[in-house]
């Protein structure tokens, strides 16, 4: 099993779980200069020394300082096209260069800017079309996407919110405090703030679609 971590330019994690994901990552990719600087500031507190380097720094390099660009010149992967953000460029880089990676965790992708947060969370649904074992972890939540009926091993009492851009989708649930079968996904809020009443939550989709799950 090989794990990759993508570090974004949002709020760098302070809690142990996301930091442990960084510590055990086989592949570590920073999104441009802001993410690299944040990683370097926190590196010693995570690893105990300053020897761990990112395997790559991927992005359009609009936030890369000349000093860091020179220092990490052999690790920089400049992608100038603007159709995708740096997070997506890092995701594509891992898929194209590390075929042995079977799970990806995205950290520091939320906070600081609400528009970036919403956009990055939405992108998880796009990634799940081709790579289902990817999530986004912060100090407050874990987010992931599913594309069809599934069982989620969450644990009793865990808070769960469900989002979808598909207003024709119906989801019948088992193991949630509030049934989702009557929810119309015509906005972001209708299936939020639910709670698992069983260890395993079952979601039955009316058809294959894109769904974002956020848990605490």
C-alpha atoms as a PDB file:
ATOM      1  CA  UNK A   1       0.000   0.000   0.000  1.00  0.00           C
ATOM      2  CA  UNK A   2       1.400   3.388  -1.003  1.00  0.00           C
ATOM      3  CA  UNK A   3      -0.048   6.705   0.153  1.00  0.00           C
ATOM      4  CA  UNK A   4       0.356  10.191  -1.260  1.00  0.00           C
ATOM      5  CA  UNK A   5      -0.335  13.539   0.388  1.00  0.00           C
ATOM      6  CA  UNK A   6      -1.064  16.792  -1.423  1.00  0.00           C
ATOM      7  CA  UNK A   7      -0.501  19.939   0.646  1.00  0.00           C
ATOM      8  CA  UNK A   8      -2.458  23.006  -0.436  1.00  0.00           C
ATOM      9  CA  UNK A   9      -2.240  26.662   0.447  1.00  0.00           C
ATOM     10  CA  UNK A  10      -5.042  26.757   3.025  1.00  0.00           C
ATOM     11  CA  UNK A  11      -4.891  26.325   6.792  1.00  0.00           C
ATOM     12  CA  UNK A  12      -2.032  23.987   7.663  1.00  0.00           C
ATOM     13  CA  UNK A  13      -3.253  21.228  10.025  1.00  0.00           C
ATOM     14  CA  UNK A  14      -2.443  21.397  13.723  1.00  0.00           C
ATOM     15  CA  UNK A  15      -4.066  18.163  14.925  1.00  0.00           C
ATOM     16  CA  UNK A  16      -2.291  14.848  15.083  1.00  0.00           C
ATOM     17  CA  UNK A  17      -4.290  12.809  12.545  1.00  0.00           C
ATOM     18  CA  UNK A  18      -3.644  14.980   9.474  1.00  0.00           C
ATOM     19  CA  UNK A  19      -0.034  15.479  10.597  1.00  0.00           C
ATOM     20  CA  UNK A  20       0.364  11.709  10.866  1.00  0.00           C
ATOM     21  CA  UNK A  21      -0.824  11.432   7.266  1.00  0.00           C
ATOM     22  CA  UNK A  22       2.039  13.734   6.275  1.00  0.00           C
ATOM     23  CA  UNK A  23       4.482  11.774   8.422  1.00  0.00           C
ATOM     24  CA  UNK A  24       3.669   8.426   6.833  1.00  0.00           C
ATOM     25  CA  UNK A  25       3.257   9.649   3.242  1.00  0.00           C
ATOM     26  CA  UNK A  26       5.263   7.736   0.642  1.00  0.00           C
ATOM     27  CA  UNK A  27       4.777  10.604  -1.820  1.00  0.00           C
ATOM     28  CA  UNK A  28       4.515  14.233  -0.749  1.00  0.00           C
ATOM     29  CA  UNK A  29       3.510  16.980  -3.196  1.00  0.00           C
ATOM     30  CA  UNK A  30       3.114  20.693  -2.424  1.00  0.00           C
ATOM     31  CA  UNK A  31       0.846  22.972  -4.441  1.00  0.00           C
ATOM     32  CA  UNK A  32       3.087  25.861  -5.476  1.00  0.00           C
ATOM     33  CA  UNK A  33       5.070  28.237  -3.266  1.00  0.00           C
ATOM     34  CA  UNK A  34       2.540  28.988  -0.509  1.00  0.00           C
ATOM     35  CA  UNK A  35       2.125  25.301   0.302  1.00  0.00           C
ATOM     36  CA  UNK A  36       5.867  24.726   0.181  1.00  0.00           C
ATOM     37  CA  UNK A  37       6.531  27.561   2.626  1.00  0.00           C
ATOM     38  CA  UNK A  38       3.871  26.251   5.016  1.00  0.00           C
ATOM     39  CA  UNK A  39       5.336  22.755   4.868  1.00  0.00           C
ATOM     40  CA  UNK A  40       8.846  24.053   5.556  1.00  0.00           C
ATOM     41  CA  UNK A  41       7.605  26.086   8.560  1.00  0.00           C
ATOM     42  CA  UNK A  42       5.984  23.017  10.132  1.00  0.00           C
ATOM     43  CA  UNK A  43       8.388  20.315   8.950  1.00  0.00           C
ATOM     44  CA  UNK A  44      10.465  20.021  12.105  1.00  0.00           C
ATOM     45  CA  UNK A  45       7.409  19.822  14.374  1.00  0.00           C
ATOM     46  CA  UNK A  46       6.079  16.940  12.264  1.00  0.00           C
ATOM     47  CA  UNK A  47       9.225  14.920  11.547  1.00  0.00           C
ATOM     48  CA  UNK A  48      11.539  16.020  14.345  1.00  0.00           C
ATOM     49  CA  UNK A  49      14.108  17.360  11.910  1.00  0.00           C
ATOM     50  CA  UNK A  50      14.367  19.188   8.588  1.00  0.00           C
ATOM     51  CA  UNK A  51      15.439  16.307   6.368  1.00  0.00           C
ATOM     52  CA  UNK A  52      12.109  15.417   4.738  1.00  0.00           C
ATOM     53  CA  UNK A  53      11.655  17.182   1.433  1.00  0.00           C
ATOM     54  CA  UNK A  54       8.596  17.245  -0.842  1.00  0.00           C
ATOM     55  CA  UNK A  55       8.894  14.908  -3.797  1.00  0.00           C
ATOM     56  CA  UNK A  56       7.549  17.652  -6.052  1.00  0.00           C
ATOM     57  CA  UNK A  57       6.162  21.173  -6.008  1.00  0.00           C
ATOM     58  CA  UNK A  58       3.461  21.446  -8.666  1.00  0.00           C
ATOM     59  CA  UNK A  59       1.621  24.508  -9.944  1.00  0.00           C
ATOM     60  CA  UNK A  60       1.841  27.597 -12.099  1.00  0.00           C
ATOM     61  CA  UNK A  61       4.506  28.991  -9.730  1.00  0.00           C
ATOM     62  CA  UNK A  62       2.739  32.316  -9.257  1.00  0.00           C
ATOM     63  CA  UNK A  63       3.495  32.198  -5.518  1.00  0.00           C
ATOM     64  CA  UNK A  64       7.026  30.799  -5.761  1.00  0.00           C
ATOM     65  CA  UNK A  65       9.793  33.083  -4.522  1.00  0.00           C
ATOM     66  CA  UNK A  66      13.048  33.256  -6.516  1.00  0.00           C
ATOM     67  CA  UNK A  67      14.963  31.880  -3.520  1.00  0.00           C
ATOM     68  CA  UNK A  68      12.785  28.785  -3.168  1.00  0.00           C
ATOM     69  CA  UNK A  69      12.605  28.350  -6.945  1.00  0.00           C
ATOM     70  CA  UNK A  70      16.400  28.118  -7.057  1.00  0.00           C
ATOM     71  CA  UNK A  71      16.614  25.834  -4.012  1.00  0.00           C
ATOM     72  CA  UNK A  72      13.950  23.427  -5.309  1.00  0.00           C
ATOM     73  CA  UNK A  73      14.608  23.772  -9.032  1.00  0.00           C
ATOM     74  CA  UNK A  74      14.930  19.997  -9.502  1.00  0.00           C
ATOM     75  CA  UNK A  75      11.592  19.375  -7.778  1.00  0.00           C
ATOM     76  CA  UNK A  76       9.515  22.076  -9.458  1.00  0.00           C
ATOM     77  CA  UNK A  77       6.850  20.982 -11.935  1.00  0.00           C
ATOM     78  CA  UNK A  78       5.523  24.083 -13.637  1.00  0.00           C
ATOM     79  CA  UNK A  79       2.122  23.720 -15.270  1.00  0.00           C
ATOM     80  CA  UNK A  80       1.099  27.030 -16.772  1.00  0.00           C
ATOM     81  CA  UNK A  81      -2.394  26.208 -18.081  1.00  0.00           C
ATOM     82  CA  UNK A  82      -5.157  27.881 -16.086  1.00  0.00           C
ATOM     83  CA  UNK A  83      -8.066  25.518 -16.773  1.00  0.00           C
ATOM     84  CA  UNK A  84      -7.169  23.570 -13.611  1.00  0.00           C
ATOM     85  CA  UNK A  85      -6.111  24.831 -10.196  1.00  0.00           C
ATOM     86  CA  UNK A  86      -2.876  23.779  -8.509  1.00  0.00           C
ATOM     87  CA  UNK A  87      -4.636  21.089  -6.468  1.00  0.00           C
ATOM     88  CA  UNK A  88      -5.849  19.400  -9.647  1.00  0.00           C
ATOM     89  CA  UNK A  89      -2.423  19.764 -11.244  1.00  0.00           C
ATOM     90  CA  UNK A  90      -0.882  18.010  -8.228  1.00  0.00           C
ATOM     91  CA  UNK A  91      -3.546  15.286  -8.401  1.00  0.00           C
ATOM     92  CA  UNK A  92      -2.799  14.690 -12.102  1.00  0.00           C
ATOM     93  CA  UNK A  93       0.942  14.683 -11.425  1.00  0.00           C
ATOM     94  CA  UNK A  94       0.578  11.878  -8.884  1.00  0.00           C
ATOM     95  CA  UNK A  95      -1.648   9.804 -11.161  1.00  0.00           C
ATOM     96  CA  UNK A  96       0.774  10.176 -14.066  1.00  0.00           C
ATOM     97  CA  UNK A  97       4.020   9.627 -12.170  1.00  0.00           C
ATOM     98  CA  UNK A  98       3.291   7.349  -9.210  1.00  0.00           C
ATOM     99  CA  UNK A  99       1.184   4.402 -10.435  1.00  0.00           C
ATOM    100  CA  UNK A 100       1.822   2.447  -7.224  1.00  0.00           C
ATOM    101  CA  UNK A 101      -0.032   5.020  -5.104  1.00  0.00           C
ATOM    102  CA  UNK A 102      -3.412   3.604  -4.099  1.00  0.00           C
ATOM    103  CA  UNK A 103      -4.706   6.398  -1.864  1.00  0.00           C
ATOM    104  CA  UNK A 104      -4.363  10.184  -1.854  1.00  0.00           C
ATOM    105  CA  UNK A 105      -4.993  12.572   1.046  1.00  0.00           C
ATOM    106  CA  UNK A 106      -5.374  16.297   0.396  1.00  0.00           C
ATOM    107  CA  UNK A 107      -4.460  18.570   3.309  1.00  0.00           C
ATOM    108  CA  UNK A 108      -4.512  22.349   3.836  1.00  0.00           C
ATOM    109  CA  UNK A 109      -7.105  22.698   1.076  1.00  0.00           C
ATOM    110  CA  UNK A 110      -9.659  24.553   3.204  1.00  0.00           C
ATOM    111  CA  UNK A 111      -9.669  27.740   5.272  1.00  0.00           C
ATOM    112  CA  UNK A 112      -8.381  31.243   4.536  1.00  0.00           C
ATOM    113  CA  UNK A 113     -10.609  31.697   1.453  1.00  0.00           C
ATOM    114  CA  UNK A 114     -14.176  30.412   1.264  1.00  0.00           C
ATOM    115  CA  UNK A 115     -14.196  30.368  -2.543  1.00  0.00           C
ATOM    116  CA  UNK A 116     -11.122  28.128  -2.645  1.00  0.00           C
ATOM    117  CA  UNK A 117     -12.637  25.898   0.041  1.00  0.00           C
ATOM    118  CA  UNK A 118     -15.905  25.373  -1.839  1.00  0.00           C
ATOM    119  CA  UNK A 119     -14.103  24.867  -5.141  1.00  0.00           C
ATOM    120  CA  UNK A 120     -11.616  22.360  -3.731  1.00  0.00           C
ATOM    121  CA  UNK A 121     -14.350  20.340  -2.025  1.00  0.00           C
ATOM    122  CA  UNK A 122     -16.350  20.294  -5.244  1.00  0.00           C
ATOM    123  CA  UNK A 123     -13.330  18.995  -7.129  1.00  0.00           C
ATOM    124  CA  UNK A 124     -13.320  15.869  -4.951  1.00  0.00           C
ATOM    125  CA  UNK A 125     -16.436  14.750  -6.803  1.00  0.00           C
ATOM    126  CA  UNK A 126     -14.656  15.197 -10.133  1.00  0.00           C
ATOM    127  CA  UNK A 127     -11.619  13.243  -8.932  1.00  0.00           C
ATOM    128  CA  UNK A 128     -13.846  10.391  -7.731  1.00  0.00           C
ATOM    129  CA  UNK A 129     -14.959   9.739 -11.316  1.00  0.00           C
ATOM    130  CA  UNK A 130     -11.555   8.173 -11.975  1.00  0.00           C
ATOM    131  CA  UNK A 131      -9.910   7.749  -8.565  1.00  0.00           C
ATOM    132  CA  UNK A 132     -12.221   6.760  -5.689  1.00  0.00           C
ATOM    133  CA  UNK A 133      -9.624   6.424  -2.910  1.00  0.00           C
ATOM    134  CA  UNK A 134      -9.045  10.119  -2.306  1.00  0.00           C
ATOM    135  CA  UNK A 135     -10.127  12.328   0.571  1.00  0.00           C
ATOM    136  CA  UNK A 136      -9.623  15.806   1.987  1.00  0.00           C
ATOM    137  CA  UNK A 137      -8.635  16.053   5.643  1.00  0.00           C
ATOM    138  CA  UNK A 138      -8.540  19.106   7.903  1.00  0.00           C
ATOM    139  CA  UNK A 139      -8.460  19.672  11.666  1.00  0.00           C
ATOM    140  CA  UNK A 140     -12.265  19.588  11.619  1.00  0.00           C
ATOM    141  CA  UNK A 141     -13.440  17.043   9.072  1.00  0.00           C
ATOM    142  CA  UNK A 142     -12.776  14.374   6.488  1.00  0.00           C
ATOM    143  CA  UNK A 143     -14.428  14.798   3.097  1.00  0.00           C
ATOM    144  CA  UNK A 144     -14.687  12.242   0.298  1.00  0.00           C
ATOM    145  CA  UNK A 145     -16.893  11.535  -2.689  1.00  0.00           C
ATOM    146  CA  UNK A 146     -18.901   8.536  -3.843  1.00  0.00           C
ATOM    147  CA  UNK A 147     -20.500   7.879  -7.200  1.00  0.00           C
ATOM    148  CA  UNK A 148     -22.984   5.078  -6.479  1.00  0.00           C
ATOM    149  CA  UNK A 149     -24.810   3.206  -3.721  1.00  0.00           C
ATOM    150  CA  UNK A 150     -22.425   2.317  -0.907  1.00  0.00           C
ATOM    151  CA  UNK A 151     -21.815   1.340   2.705  1.00  0.00           C
ATOM    152  CA  UNK A 152     -19.890   3.805   4.844  1.00  0.00           C
ATOM    153  CA  UNK A 153     -18.089   2.499   7.923  1.00  0.00           C
ATOM    154  CA  UNK A 154     -18.349   5.654  10.024  1.00  0.00           C
ATOM    155  CA  UNK A 155     -19.100   4.609  13.596  1.00  0.00           C
ATOM    156  CA  UNK A 156     -22.164   5.372  15.695  1.00  0.00           C
ATOM    157  CA  UNK A 157     -22.570   9.029  16.629  1.00  0.00           C
ATOM    158  CA  UNK A 158     -20.434  10.451  13.853  1.00  0.00           C
ATOM    159  CA  UNK A 159     -21.773  13.600  12.206  1.00  0.00           C
ATOM    160  CA  UNK A 160     -22.462  13.336   8.497  1.00  0.00           C
ATOM    161  CA  UNK A 161     -23.384  15.855   5.795  1.00  0.00           C
ATOM    162  CA  UNK A 162     -24.286  14.917   2.227  1.00  0.00           C
ATOM    163  CA  UNK A 163     -24.069  17.164  -0.827  1.00  0.00           C
ATOM    164  CA  UNK A 164     -24.804  16.626  -4.512  1.00  0.00           C
ATOM    165  CA  UNK A 165     -25.079  18.832  -7.599  1.00  0.00           C
ATOM    166  CA  UNK A 166     -27.676  16.418  -9.028  1.00  0.00           C
ATOM    167  CA  UNK A 167     -31.230  17.543  -8.194  1.00  0.00           C
ATOM    168  CA  UNK A 168     -32.677  14.445  -9.869  1.00  0.00           C
ATOM    169  CA  UNK A 169     -30.907  12.133  -7.398  1.00  0.00           C
ATOM    170  CA  UNK A 170     -32.749  10.376  -4.578  1.00  0.00           C
ATOM    171  CA  UNK A 171     -30.787   8.737  -1.768  1.00  0.00           C
ATOM    172  CA  UNK A 172     -32.449   6.268   0.583  1.00  0.00           C
ATOM    173  CA  UNK A 173     -30.437   5.870   3.767  1.00  0.00           C
ATOM    174  CA  UNK A 174     -30.131   3.385   6.613  1.00  0.00           C
ATOM    175  CA  UNK A 175     -28.207   4.135   9.770  1.00  0.00           C
ATOM    176  CA  UNK A 176     -28.738   7.906   9.801  1.00  0.00           C
ATOM    177  CA  UNK A 177     -30.761   9.829  12.363  1.00  0.00           C
ATOM    178  CA  UNK A 178     -32.757  11.568   9.632  1.00  0.00           C
ATOM    179  CA  UNK A 179     -33.843   9.702   6.510  1.00  0.00           C
ATOM    180  CA  UNK A 180     -32.606  11.213   3.253  1.00  0.00           C
ATOM    181  CA  UNK A 181     -35.158   9.711   0.866  1.00  0.00           C
ATOM    182  CA  UNK A 182     -37.230  12.911   0.801  1.00  0.00           C
ATOM    183  CA  UNK A 183     -34.296  15.235   0.212  1.00  0.00           C
ATOM    184  CA  UNK A 184     -34.134  17.175  -3.052  1.00  0.00           C
ATOM    185  CA  UNK A 185     -30.555  18.230  -3.752  1.00  0.00           C
ATOM    186  CA  UNK A 186     -31.416  21.670  -5.081  1.00  0.00           C
ATOM    187  CA  UNK A 187     -29.075  23.538  -2.738  1.00  0.00           C
ATOM    188  CA  UNK A 188     -26.073  22.832  -0.473  1.00  0.00           C
ATOM    189  CA  UNK A 189     -27.913  22.593   2.866  1.00  0.00           C
ATOM    190  CA  UNK A 190     -30.819  20.043   2.639  1.00  0.00           C
ATOM    191  CA  UNK A 191     -28.881  16.905   3.727  1.00  0.00           C
ATOM    192  CA  UNK A 192     -26.409  18.494   6.112  1.00  0.00           C
ATOM    193  CA  UNK A 193     -26.000  18.066   9.891  1.00  0.00           C
ATOM    194  CA  UNK A 194     -27.103  14.435  10.058  1.00  0.00           C
ATOM    195  CA  UNK A 195     -25.700  11.800  12.418  1.00  0.00           C
ATOM    196  CA  UNK A 196     -24.884   8.090  12.197  1.00  0.00           C
ATOM    197  CA  UNK A 197     -27.034   5.914  14.471  1.00  0.00           C
ATOM    198  CA  UNK A 198     -25.203   2.733  13.478  1.00  0.00           C
ATOM    199  CA  UNK A 199     -21.582   1.861  12.795  1.00  0.00           C
ATOM    200  CA  UNK A 200     -22.337   1.292   9.114  1.00  0.00           C
ATOM    201  CA  UNK A 201     -24.410   3.769   7.101  1.00  0.00           C
ATOM    202  CA  UNK A 202     -26.028   2.500   3.898  1.00  0.00           C
ATOM    203  CA  UNK A 203     -26.836   4.853   1.025  1.00  0.00           C
ATOM    204  CA  UNK A 204     -28.962   3.631  -1.880  1.00  0.00           C
ATOM    205  CA  UNK A 205     -28.807   5.861  -4.963  1.00  0.00           C
ATOM    206  CA  UNK A 206     -31.639   6.105  -7.481  1.00  0.00           C
ATOM    207  CA  UNK A 207     -28.915   6.241 -10.151  1.00  0.00           C
ATOM    208  CA  UNK A 208     -25.171   6.753 -10.370  1.00  0.00           C
ATOM    209  CA  UNK A 209     -24.233  10.313  -9.587  1.00  0.00           C
ATOM    210  CA  UNK A 210     -21.730  12.537  -7.783  1.00  0.00           C
ATOM    211  CA  UNK A 211     -22.061  12.904  -4.014  1.00  0.00           C
ATOM    212  CA  UNK A 212     -19.798  14.611  -1.490  1.00  0.00           C
ATOM    213  CA  UNK A 213     -19.696  13.298   2.074  1.00  0.00           C
ATOM    214  CA  UNK A 214     -18.269  15.346   4.952  1.00  0.00           C
ATOM    215  CA  UNK A 215     -17.806  13.763   8.377  1.00  0.00           C
ATOM    216  CA  UNK A 216     -16.316  15.037  11.609  1.00  0.00           C
END
